Amino acid sequence: MTHAIRSGLVLASVAALAVAVSFSQSAGETVYKQKCVTCHGSDGLASSGVGKVMRVKPATDPEVKKLSEAELIALTRNGAGKMQPYQGELTDAEIKASVDYFRRFIK
């Protein structure tokens, strides 16, 4: 009986940890899907209609690939070209999380 209780507690702890990790990892994805996907596309390739019309560069473009995290954060915060600035609309943490998520598409 004690072994079963201990196993149950370990399993519950592992499940709670997995849920916590998934929530922290999904923050950037959530912001990206709310604010960025329309132009940058679900895969970062800017293949959406809006992305094509606005000539958004895909994450795989050499000019995008060479940008540092700090540069991408600054572009997101201050806007670039036709992209609106998100300073004041998103927190610094949300901007960083969305940039981290976007950087997953850079190959």
Protein backbone atom coordinates (compact mmCIF):
# COMPACT_ATOMS: atom_id res chain seq x y z
CA MET A 1 0.00 0.00 0.00
CA THR A 2 2.79 2.45 0.88
CA HIS A 3 4.52 1.67 -2.42
CA ALA A 4 1.32 2.46 -4.33
CA ILE A 5 0.90 5.79 -2.54
CA ARG A 6 4.54 6.71 -3.13
CA SER A 7 4.26 5.77 -6.81
CA GLY A 8 1.10 7.84 -7.11
CA LEU A 9 2.79 10.87 -5.55
CA VAL A 10 5.79 10.55 -7.87
CA LEU A 11 3.51 10.23 -10.88
CA ALA A 12 1.48 13.27 -9.80
CA SER A 13 4.68 15.29 -9.30
CA VAL A 14 5.98 14.37 -12.74
CA ALA A 15 2.62 15.26 -14.32
CA ALA A 16 2.54 18.63 -12.52
CA LEU A 17 6.08 19.40 -13.66
CA ALA A 18 5.23 18.48 -17.26
CA VAL A 19 2.20 20.78 -17.19
CA ALA A 20 4.24 23.64 -15.76
CA VAL A 21 6.94 23.22 -18.41
CA SER A 22 4.39 23.08 -21.22
CA PHE A 23 2.74 26.30 -20.01
CA SER A 24 6.06 28.14 -19.89
CA GLN A 25 7.02 26.92 -23.35
CA SER A 26 3.69 27.83 -24.89
CA ALA A 27 3.72 31.51 -23.90
CA GLY A 28 5.75 32.50 -26.97
CA GLU A 29 3.65 30.32 -29.23
CA THR A 30 0.47 31.91 -27.87
CA VAL A 31 1.71 35.45 -28.48
CA TYR A 32 3.06 34.49 -31.91
CA LYS A 33 -0.29 33.00 -32.92
CA GLN A 34 -2.18 36.05 -31.66
CA LYS A 35 0.04 38.78 -33.08
CA CYS A 36 2.44 37.42 -35.69
CA VAL A 37 0.97 34.49 -37.59
CA THR A 38 -1.16 36.64 -39.92
CA CYS A 39 1.93 38.05 -41.64
CA HIS A 40 4.72 35.65 -40.72
CA GLY A 41 2.68 32.45 -41.16
CA SER A 42 2.29 29.48 -38.88
CA ASP A 43 5.71 28.18 -39.96
CA GLY A 44 7.58 31.50 -40.13
CA LEU A 45 7.81 31.33 -43.91
CA ALA A 46 5.55 34.35 -44.53
CA SER A 47 3.55 32.32 -47.04
CA SER A 48 0.21 33.76 -45.96
CA GLY A 49 -1.64 36.11 -48.30
CA VAL A 50 -0.86 39.10 -46.10
CA GLY A 51 2.77 38.05 -45.80
CA LYS A 52 3.12 37.82 -49.58
CA VAL A 53 1.40 41.16 -50.22
CA MET A 54 3.54 42.90 -47.59
CA ARG A 55 6.68 41.11 -48.83
CA VAL A 56 7.52 39.81 -45.38
CA LYS A 57 10.84 38.01 -45.36
CA PRO A 58 10.65 34.39 -44.20
CA ALA A 59 12.60 33.12 -41.21
CA THR A 60 14.86 31.24 -43.65
CA ASP A 61 15.94 34.42 -45.47
CA PRO A 62 19.69 35.04 -44.99
CA GLU A 63 19.05 38.60 -43.75
CA VAL A 64 16.65 37.31 -41.10
CA LYS A 65 18.90 34.41 -40.14
CA LYS A 66 21.79 36.75 -39.33
CA LEU A 67 19.74 38.87 -36.90
CA SER A 68 20.55 38.35 -33.24
CA GLU A 69 17.92 37.78 -30.61
CA ALA A 70 18.42 41.35 -29.37
CA GLU A 71 17.92 42.73 -32.88
CA LEU A 72 14.72 40.71 -33.37
CA ILE A 73 13.43 41.91 -30.00
CA ALA A 74 14.17 45.53 -30.96
CA LEU A 75 12.41 45.08 -34.33
CA THR A 76 9.38 43.60 -32.60
CA ARG A 77 9.33 46.28 -29.92
CA ASN A 78 9.83 49.25 -32.28
CA GLY A 79 8.35 47.94 -35.53
CA ALA A 80 10.09 47.64 -38.87
CA GLY A 81 8.91 48.64 -42.32
CA LYS A 82 5.19 47.88 -42.41
CA MET A 83 5.29 45.95 -39.14
CA GLN A 84 3.68 47.81 -36.29
CA PRO A 85 5.56 48.37 -33.03
CA TYR A 86 4.43 46.18 -30.15
CA GLN A 87 5.96 48.25 -27.34
CA GLY A 88 3.15 49.15 -24.99
CA GLU A 89 0.91 46.41 -26.41
CA LEU A 90 3.08 43.47 -25.33
CA THR A 91 5.29 43.17 -22.28
CA ASP A 92 9.03 42.72 -22.69
CA ALA A 93 8.59 39.10 -21.58
CA GLU A 94 5.91 38.49 -24.22
CA ILE A 95 8.06 40.06 -26.93
CA LYS A 96 11.04 37.93 -25.94
CA ALA A 97 8.91 34.79 -25.79
CA SER A 98 7.46 35.43 -29.25
CA VAL A 99 10.94 36.08 -30.67
CA ASP A 100 12.22 32.87 -29.07
CA TYR A 101 9.34 31.00 -30.69
CA PHE A 102 9.97 32.65 -34.08
CA ARG A 103 13.67 31.76 -33.90
CA ARG A 104 12.67 28.07 -33.93
CA PHE A 105 11.78 28.55 -37.61
CA ILE A 106 15.24 29.87 -38.52
CA LYS A 107 17.12 27.00 -40.12
